[in-house]
Amino acid sequence: MSEEKTYLELSEADGGAHKFYEVIVKDTQVSIRYGRIGDKGQTQTKTYPTPDKAKADANKKIKEKLAKGYEHAVMGVRQKRSVTRRAVTSTASTAKQAPILWKFNSNSAAFGIFIDSDRCWLGNQAGQVFALNHQGKVINQFKLPDGVKCLVADDIWIYAGCDNGNVYDLTGKLPRVAYEIDENVDIYWLDIKNGLLGVSDANGGVTIIDHDDESQWTRLSQGQYGWMVRCDEVGIYHGHSQGVTMYDVQEGRVLWQQKTGGSILFGWQEASTVYAGASDQKIYSFSKKGKAGAVYKCDASVYSCATAQDGKYVFAGDSSSSIYCFNQSGERLWKLATDCGSALSMQFFDNCIYIVTTDGALACIDTSEAAIQAAQGGTIPQAAIIKAPTTEGAAPSSVVETTTDTSQGVIVECYREGSKLRVRVVSPGYNPNWKVQFPKDIRQEGQRYLVQEIRESASGGFYRAYGDIKKISS
């Protein structure tokens, strides 16, 4: 059986798109492989009623790509190009040094951070993800195929957004693909709530994707690009080069817009307020109804921000390796140097501010009143310095362990619904009509799996797979 291959590439200068798109037609089957040049990419296959219909749809897809600037190319001529999330500069701070308790050196610029009662997570541009305890000891690590954009939590699930366009679930032994973002979207940032993923991109757009990887809606902002996206049950808060826009979470209707003096580079949210760090050296705050609040003034572009105690204190990290603390009304309480680069992301937890930096550090900084006063006077603790392990962490794999023992866990099965592979629970006691959020890269039609746990989503209507997954051998 003969097959026809068409290979296209789109490669733009100055850090623009660097992607391929391959169409393979074989009888009634069309396979689309796409991704970043030099990577294996992702593959989607669809079967048509006749060879003519398969060829017609393939030609349509090729014409659409050519219209968007793709060109016919020879695979392997262009080489893989490193991905940069944004042009980041960092200079040394002239302030006195912050009271760092410990510092973990990952050796590559880090944007991803998530802190909870058990672990401190870091994700860096080398694709490494480390989970540490609160003393800085590494207790788990993963290796993703490309740079880690951000780490986000949704209930007990931890997700890593990767520069290859995938979002990985890190709750099991191996990273598993939870979401596959459209290959035309250059992701800048992610957030997630009850399985609903918000994606901000290089074109100033925001896209919402549901638990089963179905795009719900996409909106293009007034800005040219957008770094900030935050999600809650009511809305999506999108920060871009012209300000902040709130969209209705269900339909994408604009609920309010607020202009800012600079481009938004980072965003944070509390229950009733959103905070947007901007290039004009300010953090803007807005109520979730759109009313402008306090403005927090720094001395350089704001790369990151966070809050404590529902906004009682507001923290900021700037492009000059300084961190700040403000009270709720906007008064600056202190400014100190990080001594490990500019904070690209941050989070407050248990009287400490945790930062990940341009130097690739994850630093735990004591923000107690006594520690800050001592630092302002020039006295700081001796920080513990922890080096990253030389071993590689667990990498994504489509290989799944098999088992015949189904006495512990929940049984699910993969089935086809149109062109999509879905998953449902077959163990008793569950709603068989609800779909299961399940790794994309291991789904096989007709296959049954044993999942460590199946949990109902907080919003209801679907289940989520948690923990380790095994194939059930027949």
Protein backbone atom coordinates (compact mmCIF):
# COMPACT_ATOMS: atom_id res chain seq x y z
CA MET A 1 0.00 0.00 0.00
CA SER A 2 1.63 3.27 -1.14
CA GLU A 3 1.71 6.40 0.94
CA GLU A 4 2.15 10.11 0.19
CA LYS A 5 4.17 12.35 2.48
CA THR A 6 4.18 16.14 2.61
CA TYR A 7 6.65 17.81 4.95
CA LEU A 8 6.38 21.53 5.75
CA GLU A 9 8.29 23.88 8.04
CA LEU A 10 7.74 27.34 9.46
CA SER A 11 10.94 28.94 10.76
CA GLU A 12 10.98 32.61 11.72
CA ALA A 13 13.93 34.75 12.78
CA ASP A 14 14.49 36.45 16.15
CA GLY A 15 13.05 33.67 18.27
CA GLY A 16 9.84 33.25 16.28
CA ALA A 17 8.12 30.01 15.30
CA HIS A 18 10.33 27.01 14.46
CA LYS A 19 7.88 24.22 13.65
CA PHE A 20 7.21 21.36 11.28
CA TYR A 21 3.99 19.85 9.94
CA GLU A 22 3.98 16.48 8.17
CA VAL A 23 0.98 14.90 6.43
CA ILE A 24 1.03 11.21 5.53
CA VAL A 25 -1.81 9.76 3.40
CA LYS A 26 -2.10 5.98 3.26
CA ASP A 27 -5.26 4.68 1.61
CA THR A 28 -8.14 5.93 3.82
CA GLN A 29 -5.89 7.00 6.69
CA VAL A 30 -4.35 10.44 7.26
CA SER A 31 -1.63 10.90 9.89
CA ILE A 32 -0.58 14.37 10.99
CA ARG A 33 2.74 14.76 12.80
CA TYR A 34 3.65 18.20 14.11
CA GLY A 35 5.86 19.92 16.65
CA ARG A 36 9.06 21.90 17.00
CA ILE A 37 11.79 21.25 14.42
CA GLY A 38 14.21 18.67 15.74
CA ASP A 39 11.68 17.03 18.08
CA LYS A 40 9.70 13.84 17.51
CA GLY A 41 6.49 15.83 17.82
CA GLN A 42 2.94 14.59 18.25
CA THR A 43 0.91 12.43 15.88
CA GLN A 44 -2.82 12.36 15.19
CA THR A 45 -4.41 9.79 12.87
CA LYS A 46 -7.86 9.78 11.32
CA THR A 47 -9.60 7.25 9.08
CA TYR A 48 -11.95 8.36 6.26
CA PRO A 49 -14.72 6.49 4.38
CA THR A 50 -12.80 6.54 1.07
CA PRO A 51 -9.24 7.26 -0.18
CA ASP A 52 -10.54 10.28 -2.10
CA LYS A 53 -11.97 11.86 1.04
CA ALA A 54 -8.74 11.18 2.90
CA LYS A 55 -6.71 12.86 0.13
CA ALA A 56 -9.09 15.83 -0.06
CA ASP A 57 -8.88 16.52 3.66
CA ALA A 58 -5.09 16.15 3.62
CA ASN A 59 -4.83 18.67 0.75
CA LYS A 60 -7.06 21.06 2.67
CA LYS A 61 -4.80 20.88 5.73
CA ILE A 62 -1.68 21.43 3.60
CA LYS A 63 -3.18 24.50 1.90
CA GLU A 64 -4.12 25.95 5.30
CA LYS A 65 -0.55 25.59 6.51
CA LEU A 66 0.92 27.09 3.34
CA ALA A 67 -1.41 30.07 3.76
CA LYS A 68 -0.05 30.56 7.26
CA GLY A 69 3.54 30.79 6.02
CA TYR A 70 4.70 27.17 6.11
CA GLU A 71 6.94 26.07 3.25
CA HIS A 72 7.87 22.74 1.68
CA ALA A 73 11.12 21.56 3.25
CA VAL A 74 13.52 18.66 3.61
CA MET A 75 13.51 17.04 7.02
CA GLY A 76 16.79 17.41 8.91
CA VAL A 77 18.19 20.44 7.08
CA ARG A 78 17.07 22.88 9.76
CA GLN A 79 18.30 22.04 13.24
CA LYS A 80 16.57 22.17 16.58
CA ARG A 81 16.56 25.63 18.10
CA SER A 82 16.49 26.41 21.80
CA VAL A 83 13.28 27.97 23.09
CA THR A 84 13.29 31.12 25.19
CA ARG A 85 10.18 32.15 27.02
CA ARG A 86 10.99 35.82 26.94
CA ALA A 87 14.00 38.08 26.71
CA VAL A 88 15.13 38.20 30.32
CA THR A 89 17.82 40.50 31.64
CA SER A 90 19.08 40.54 35.19
CA THR A 91 21.42 42.97 36.90
CA ALA A 92 22.88 43.01 40.39
CA SER A 93 20.97 44.67 43.22
CA THR A 94 22.52 47.44 45.28
CA ALA A 95 20.33 46.65 48.29
CA LYS A 96 21.46 44.70 51.33
CA GLN A 97 21.15 40.94 51.09
CA ALA A 98 17.97 39.09 52.02
CA PRO A 99 18.07 36.47 54.82
CA ILE A 100 18.28 33.28 52.74
CA LEU A 101 17.84 30.12 54.82
CA TRP A 102 18.79 27.71 52.03
CA LYS A 103 19.42 27.83 48.31
CA PHE A 104 19.16 25.00 45.78
CA ASN A 105 21.17 25.46 42.59
CA SER A 106 19.58 23.78 39.55
CA ASN A 107 22.09 25.31 37.06
CA SER A 108 19.51 26.61 34.57
CA ALA A 109 17.17 29.62 34.66
CA ALA A 110 13.95 28.64 36.43
CA PHE A 111 10.40 29.90 35.90
CA GLY A 112 8.43 27.09 37.56
CA ILE A 113 7.65 27.07 41.27
CA PHE A 114 5.03 25.53 43.50
CA ILE A 115 5.13 25.31 47.30
CA ASP A 116 2.84 23.32 49.58
CA SER A 117 3.08 21.81 53.06
CA ASP A 118 5.06 18.81 51.81
CA ARG A 119 7.23 19.92 48.93
CA CYS A 120 8.99 22.79 47.19
CA TRP A 121 8.91 22.35 43.41
CA LEU A 122 11.24 23.93 40.84
CA GLY A 123 11.13 23.63 37.04
CA ASN A 124 13.90 25.05 34.86
CA GLN A 125 14.76 25.78 31.24
CA ALA A 126 16.75 22.56 30.95
CA GLY A 127 13.50 20.62 31.38
CA GLN A 128 14.36 19.52 34.90
CA VAL A 129 11.77 19.40 37.65
CA PHE A 130 12.88 18.92 41.26
CA ALA A 131 10.74 18.31 44.33
CA LEU A 132 12.45 19.21 47.61
CA ASN A 133 11.40 19.08 51.23
CA HIS A 134 11.31 22.26 53.29
CA GLN A 135 14.93 21.80 54.29
CA GLY A 136 16.04 21.79 50.64
CA LYS A 137 16.65 18.05 50.24
CA VAL A 138 15.73 16.59 46.84
CA ILE A 139 13.11 13.85 47.24
CA ASN A 140 12.02 13.46 43.60
CA GLN A 141 12.98 14.66 40.13
CA PHE A 142 11.77 14.48 36.52
CA LYS A 143 13.31 15.25 33.13
CA LEU A 144 10.98 16.73 30.51
CA PRO A 145 11.83 17.05 26.79
CA ASP A 146 12.09 20.86 26.81
CA GLY A 147 12.14 23.90 29.07
CA VAL A 148 9.56 24.08 31.86
CA LYS A 149 7.37 27.15 31.59
CA CYS A 150 5.55 26.91 34.89
CA LEU A 151 4.31 24.56 37.59
CA VAL A 152 0.67 24.72 38.61
CA ALA A 153 -1.42 22.78 41.11
CA ASP A 154 -5.05 21.73 40.84
CA ASP A 155 -6.28 20.04 43.99
CA ILE A 156 -3.72 17.24 44.59
CA TRP A 157 -2.40 17.23 40.99
CA ILE A 158 0.83 18.97 39.97
CA TYR A 159 1.25 19.93 36.31
CA ALA A 160 4.29 21.16 34.40
CA GLY A 161 3.89 23.25 31.25
CA CYS A 162 6.67 22.40 28.80
CA ASP A 163 8.12 24.30 25.83
CA ASN A 164 7.30 21.34 23.56
CA GLY A 165 3.61 22.25 23.87
CA ASN A 166 2.64 19.53 26.33
CA VAL A 167 1.41 19.80 29.90
CA TYR A 168 2.61 16.90 32.06
CA ASP A 169 0.96 15.37 35.11
CA LEU A 170 3.65 14.76 37.76
CA THR A 171 1.59 12.85 40.31
CA GLY A 172 2.85 9.39 39.31
CA LYS A 173 6.24 7.75 38.94
CA LEU A 174 6.59 9.02 35.36
CA PRO A 175 5.49 12.32 33.78
CA ARG A 176 2.35 11.72 31.71
CA VAL A 177 0.89 13.98 29.01
CA ALA A 178 -2.27 15.53 30.45
CA TYR A 179 -2.87 18.20 27.77
CA GLU A 180 -1.59 18.70 24.23
CA ILE A 181 -1.71 22.39 23.31
CA ASP A 182 -2.38 23.30 19.67
CA GLU A 183 0.88 23.39 17.74
CA ASN A 184 0.14 26.92 16.49
CA VAL A 185 0.07 28.30 20.04
CA ASP A 186 3.36 29.61 21.45
CA ILE A 187 2.66 29.22 25.15
CA TYR A 188 3.76 31.91 27.58
CA TRP A 189 1.99 30.87 30.79
CA LEU A 190 -0.56 28.42 32.20
CA ASP A 191 -3.05 28.19 35.03
CA ILE A 192 -5.62 25.53 35.89
CA LYS A 193 -8.79 25.22 37.95
CA ASN A 194 -10.92 22.06 38.28
CA GLY A 195 -9.32 20.55 35.20
CA LEU A 196 -9.94 23.66 33.06
CA LEU A 197 -6.63 24.86 31.64
CA GLY A 198 -5.94 28.49 30.72
CA VAL A 199 -3.14 29.20 28.23
CA SER A 200 -1.73 32.64 27.42
CA ASP A 201 0.36 33.00 24.27
CA ALA A 202 2.82 35.08 22.27
CA ASN A 203 0.08 36.67 20.14
CA GLY A 204 -1.78 38.12 23.11
CA GLY A 205 -4.39 35.40 23.03
CA VAL A 206 -5.86 33.24 25.76
CA THR A 207 -7.21 29.73 25.16
CA ILE A 208 -9.31 27.59 27.49
CA ILE A 209 -9.04 23.78 27.27
CA ASP A 210 -11.20 21.37 29.23
CA HIS A 211 -10.32 18.18 31.11
CA ASP A 212 -10.50 16.00 28.00
CA ASP A 213 -8.25 18.26 25.94
CA GLU A 214 -11.07 19.94 24.02
CA SER A 215 -10.57 23.62 23.23
CA GLN A 216 -13.49 25.58 24.67
CA TRP A 217 -12.73 29.04 23.35
CA THR A 218 -9.91 31.38 22.28
CA ARG A 219 -9.88 35.15 22.55
CA LEU A 220 -7.35 37.64 21.18
CA SER A 221 -6.65 40.58 23.49
CA GLN A 222 -5.91 44.17 22.56
CA GLY A 223 -2.26 43.51 23.40
CA GLN A 224 0.49 41.96 21.28
CA TYR A 225 1.42 39.29 23.80
CA GLY A 226 0.26 38.02 27.18
CA TRP A 227 2.19 36.57 30.08
CA MET A 228 -0.41 36.50 32.82
CA VAL A 229 -3.27 34.04 33.02
CA ARG A 230 -5.11 33.18 36.24
CA CYS A 231 -8.25 31.07 36.57
CA ASP A 232 -11.02 30.71 39.14
CA GLU A 233 -14.57 29.35 39.11
CA VAL A 234 -15.97 32.54 37.62
CA GLY A 235 -13.43 33.97 35.22
CA ILE A 236 -10.12 34.04 33.39
CA TYR A 237 -7.81 36.97 34.21
CA HIS A 238 -5.48 37.71 31.31
CA GLY A 239 -2.58 40.17 31.46
CA HIS A 240 -1.11 41.42 28.18
CA SER A 241 0.81 44.38 26.75
CA GLN A 242 -2.18 46.72 27.14
CA GLY A 243 -3.40 45.74 30.61
CA VAL A 244 -5.67 43.15 32.22
CA THR A 245 -8.89 41.63 30.84
CA MET A 246 -11.37 39.38 32.64
CA TYR A 247 -13.34 36.84 30.61
CA ASP A 248 -16.34 34.77 31.60
CA VAL A 249 -15.00 31.25 32.13
CA GLN A 250 -17.81 29.48 30.27
CA GLU A 251 -18.22 31.54 27.10
CA GLY A 252 -15.24 33.88 26.95
CA ARG A 253 -17.29 37.09 27.18
CA VAL A 254 -15.29 40.16 28.23
CA LEU A 255 -16.48 41.17 31.69
CA TRP A 256 -14.05 44.04 32.25
CA GLN A 257 -10.80 45.55 30.99
CA GLN A 258 -8.25 47.77 32.73
CA LYS A 259 -5.32 49.51 31.06
CA THR A 260 -1.90 49.64 32.70
CA GLY A 261 1.13 51.83 32.13
CA GLY A 262 3.37 48.91 31.18
CA SER A 263 3.20 45.44 29.67
CA ILE A 264 2.11 42.74 32.12
CA LEU A 265 4.93 40.29 32.85
CA PHE A 266 3.44 38.25 35.70
CA GLY A 267 0.16 37.75 37.54
CA TRP A 268 -1.10 36.57 40.90
CA GLN A 269 -4.55 36.14 42.40
CA GLU A 270 -6.24 35.95 45.77
CA ALA A 271 -9.89 35.24 46.52
CA SER A 272 -11.12 38.74 45.66
CA THR A 273 -8.15 40.46 43.99
CA VAL A 274 -5.78 39.99 41.06
CA TYR A 275 -2.26 41.46 40.94
CA ALA A 276 -0.35 42.24 37.75
CA GLY A 277 3.40 42.95 37.70
CA ALA A 278 4.38 45.23 34.82
CA SER A 279 7.36 46.51 32.86
CA ASP A 280 6.77 50.07 34.14
CA GLN A 281 8.11 49.01 37.57
CA LYS A 282 4.68 48.65 39.19
CA ILE A 283 2.29 46.01 40.47
CA TYR A 284 -1.32 46.87 39.73
CA SER A 285 -4.16 45.42 41.79
CA PHE A 286 -7.77 45.04 40.68
CA SER A 287 -10.79 43.63 42.43
CA LYS A 288 -12.28 40.67 40.61
CA LYS A 289 -15.16 42.96 39.69
CA GLY A 290 -12.70 45.20 37.82
CA LYS A 291 -12.19 48.06 40.27
CA ALA A 292 -8.65 49.48 40.34
CA GLY A 293 -6.90 49.17 43.70
CA ALA A 294 -3.52 49.98 45.20
CA VAL A 295 -0.41 50.33 43.03
CA TYR A 296 2.92 49.01 44.35
CA LYS A 297 6.01 50.85 43.04
CA CYS A 298 9.35 49.10 42.53
CA ASP A 299 12.65 50.38 41.12
CA ALA A 300 12.86 48.14 38.03
CA SER A 301 10.59 46.00 35.82
CA VAL A 302 8.52 43.57 37.87
CA TYR A 303 9.26 39.96 36.90
CA SER A 304 7.17 38.27 39.61
CA CYS A 305 4.81 38.93 42.51
CA ALA A 306 2.97 37.09 45.28
CA THR A 307 0.92 37.88 48.35
CA ALA A 308 0.58 36.74 51.95
CA GLN A 309 -2.52 36.50 54.12
CA ASP A 310 -4.98 37.39 51.34
CA GLY A 311 -3.11 40.51 50.31
CA LYS A 312 -2.06 41.84 53.71
CA TYR A 313 1.49 41.80 52.31
CA VAL A 314 2.49 42.02 48.66
CA PHE A 315 5.89 40.77 47.47
CA ALA A 316 7.68 41.57 44.21
CA GLY A 317 10.79 40.48 42.34
CA ASP A 318 12.40 42.85 39.84
CA SER A 319 14.87 42.67 36.94
CA SER A 320 17.69 43.94 39.17
CA SER A 321 17.81 40.94 41.54
CA SER A 322 15.84 42.69 44.28
CA ILE A 323 12.77 41.57 46.19
CA TYR A 324 10.26 43.88 47.88
CA CYS A 325 7.55 43.75 50.49
CA PHE A 326 4.60 46.18 50.63
CA ASN A 327 1.66 46.51 52.94
CA GLN A 328 -1.85 46.27 51.53
CA SER A 329 -2.19 49.99 50.85
CA GLY A 330 0.99 50.12 48.74
CA GLU A 331 3.57 51.37 51.26
CA ARG A 332 6.98 49.82 50.70
CA LEU A 333 8.16 48.04 53.85
CA TRP A 334 11.53 46.78 52.62
CA LYS A 335 13.76 46.02 49.64
CA LEU A 336 16.58 43.46 49.74
CA ALA A 337 18.91 41.70 47.29
CA THR A 338 18.42 38.05 46.37
CA ASP A 339 22.14 37.31 45.81
CA CYS A 340 21.08 34.64 43.27
CA GLY A 341 19.61 36.50 40.28
CA SER A 342 16.23 38.00 39.51
CA ALA A 343 13.13 36.22 40.79
CA LEU A 344 11.21 34.93 37.75
CA SER A 345 8.47 33.41 39.94
CA MET A 346 7.71 33.42 43.65
CA GLN A 347 5.34 32.10 46.29
CA PHE A 348 4.80 32.89 49.97
CA PHE A 349 4.40 30.00 52.41
CA ASP A 350 4.67 29.74 56.20
CA ASN A 351 6.46 33.03 56.85
CA CYS A 352 8.94 32.55 54.00
CA ILE A 353 9.07 33.82 50.44
CA TYR A 354 10.31 31.21 47.97
CA ILE A 355 11.79 32.39 44.67
CA VAL A 356 13.14 30.78 41.50
CA THR A 357 15.62 32.88 39.57
CA THR A 358 17.55 33.69 36.42
CA ASP A 359 20.53 31.94 38.01
CA GLY A 360 18.53 28.72 38.33
CA ALA A 361 18.18 28.89 42.10
CA LEU A 362 15.30 27.98 44.36
CA ALA A 363 15.81 30.10 47.48
CA CYS A 364 13.93 30.07 50.78
CA ILE A 365 13.96 33.54 52.35
CA ASP A 366 12.93 34.23 55.94
CA THR A 367 10.40 37.12 56.01
CA SER A 368 9.86 37.22 59.76
CA GLU A 369 10.14 40.70 61.25
CA ALA A 370 13.26 39.78 63.24
CA ALA A 371 15.05 38.31 60.21
CA ILE A 372 14.23 41.30 57.99
CA GLN A 373 15.36 43.82 60.62
CA ALA A 374 18.63 41.92 61.08
CA ALA A 375 19.19 41.82 57.29
CA GLN A 376 18.56 45.55 57.00
CA GLY A 377 21.24 45.98 59.62
CA GLY A 378 23.66 43.80 57.66
CA THR A 379 23.27 40.53 59.62
CA ILE A 380 22.11 37.48 57.69
CA PRO A 381 22.10 33.74 58.44
CA GLN A 382 24.60 31.34 56.89
CA ALA A 383 22.57 29.92 54.01
CA ALA A 384 22.73 26.21 53.29
CA ILE A 385 23.80 25.69 49.66
CA ILE A 386 22.41 22.57 47.97
CA LYS A 387 23.64 21.35 44.58
CA ALA A 388 21.41 19.60 42.08
CA PRO A 389 21.90 15.83 41.71
CA THR A 390 24.00 14.74 38.74
CA THR A 391 21.55 11.95 37.93
CA GLU A 392 18.67 12.41 35.48
CA GLY A 393 15.11 12.33 36.73
CA ALA A 394 12.29 10.17 35.40
CA ALA A 395 11.45 11.02 31.79
CA PRO A 396 8.12 10.76 29.97
CA SER A 397 7.49 7.39 28.39
CA SER A 398 4.63 5.74 26.55
CA VAL A 399 5.68 2.38 28.01
CA VAL A 400 3.23 1.19 30.66
CA GLU A 401 3.83 -1.61 33.13
CA THR A 402 1.42 -4.54 32.82
CA THR A 403 -0.41 -6.47 35.53
CA THR A 404 -2.91 -9.28 35.98
CA ASP A 405 -3.69 -8.38 39.61
CA THR A 406 -6.72 -6.06 39.74
CA SER A 407 -7.44 -6.47 43.45
CA GLN A 408 -6.10 -3.00 44.29
CA GLY A 409 -7.08 0.05 42.26
CA VAL A 410 -9.77 1.06 39.77
CA ILE A 411 -10.29 -0.39 36.28
CA VAL A 412 -10.83 1.97 33.35
CA GLU A 413 -11.02 1.34 29.62
CA CYS A 414 -10.13 3.31 26.52
CA TYR A 415 -12.74 3.56 23.75
CA ARG A 416 -13.22 5.50 20.54
CA GLU A 417 -15.76 8.30 20.24
CA GLY A 418 -15.63 9.64 16.71
CA SER A 419 -12.02 10.62 16.03
CA LYS A 420 -11.17 10.82 19.75
CA LEU A 421 -9.94 8.22 22.20
CA ARG A 422 -11.80 8.56 25.50
CA VAL A 423 -11.53 6.79 28.85
CA ARG A 424 -14.31 5.65 31.21
CA VAL A 425 -14.48 3.72 34.48
CA VAL A 426 -15.68 0.11 34.35
CA SER A 427 -15.25 -0.73 38.05
CA PRO A 428 -18.55 -0.71 39.97
CA GLY A 429 -19.64 2.33 41.95
CA TYR A 430 -18.76 4.95 39.33
CA ASN A 431 -20.81 6.81 36.72
CA PRO A 432 -20.05 4.99 33.43
CA ASN A 433 -21.12 8.04 31.41
CA TRP A 434 -18.46 10.33 32.88
CA LYS A 435 -15.16 10.64 31.06
CA VAL A 436 -11.83 10.25 32.85
CA GLN A 437 -9.00 12.73 32.56
CA PHE A 438 -6.28 10.29 31.58
CA PRO A 439 -2.78 10.57 30.03
CA LYS A 440 -2.95 11.31 26.32
CA ASP A 441 0.20 9.49 25.27
CA ILE A 442 -0.70 6.01 26.56
CA ARG A 443 -4.30 5.65 25.34
CA GLN A 444 -4.93 2.55 23.21
CA GLU A 445 -8.37 1.73 21.88
CA GLY A 446 -9.92 -1.26 23.66
CA GLN A 447 -7.21 -1.40 26.34
CA ARG A 448 -8.10 -1.64 30.02
CA TYR A 449 -5.92 -0.07 32.70
CA LEU A 450 -5.55 -0.31 36.46
CA VAL A 451 -5.35 3.14 38.05
CA GLN A 452 -4.17 3.74 41.61
CA GLU A 453 -7.10 6.10 42.29
CA ILE A 454 -10.02 7.67 40.45
CA ARG A 455 -11.40 10.85 41.97
CA GLU A 456 -14.40 12.97 41.08
CA SER A 457 -13.44 16.47 40.01
CA ALA A 458 -14.25 19.28 42.41
CA SER A 459 -16.73 20.74 39.90
CA GLY A 460 -18.29 17.33 39.15
CA GLY A 461 -19.10 15.87 35.75
CA PHE A 462 -15.86 13.94 35.16
CA TYR A 463 -13.23 11.85 36.91
CA ARG A 464 -9.48 12.28 37.21
CA ALA A 465 -6.84 9.56 37.26
CA TYR A 466 -4.37 9.86 40.11
CA GLY A 467 -1.10 8.06 40.75
CA ASP A 468 0.43 5.10 38.97
CA ILE A 469 -1.19 3.41 35.97
CA LYS A 470 -0.76 -0.15 34.68
CA LYS A 471 -2.07 -2.01 31.64
CA ILE A 472 -4.24 -5.00 32.41
CA SER A 473 -2.96 -7.94 30.40
CA SER A 474 -5.56 -10.31 29.02
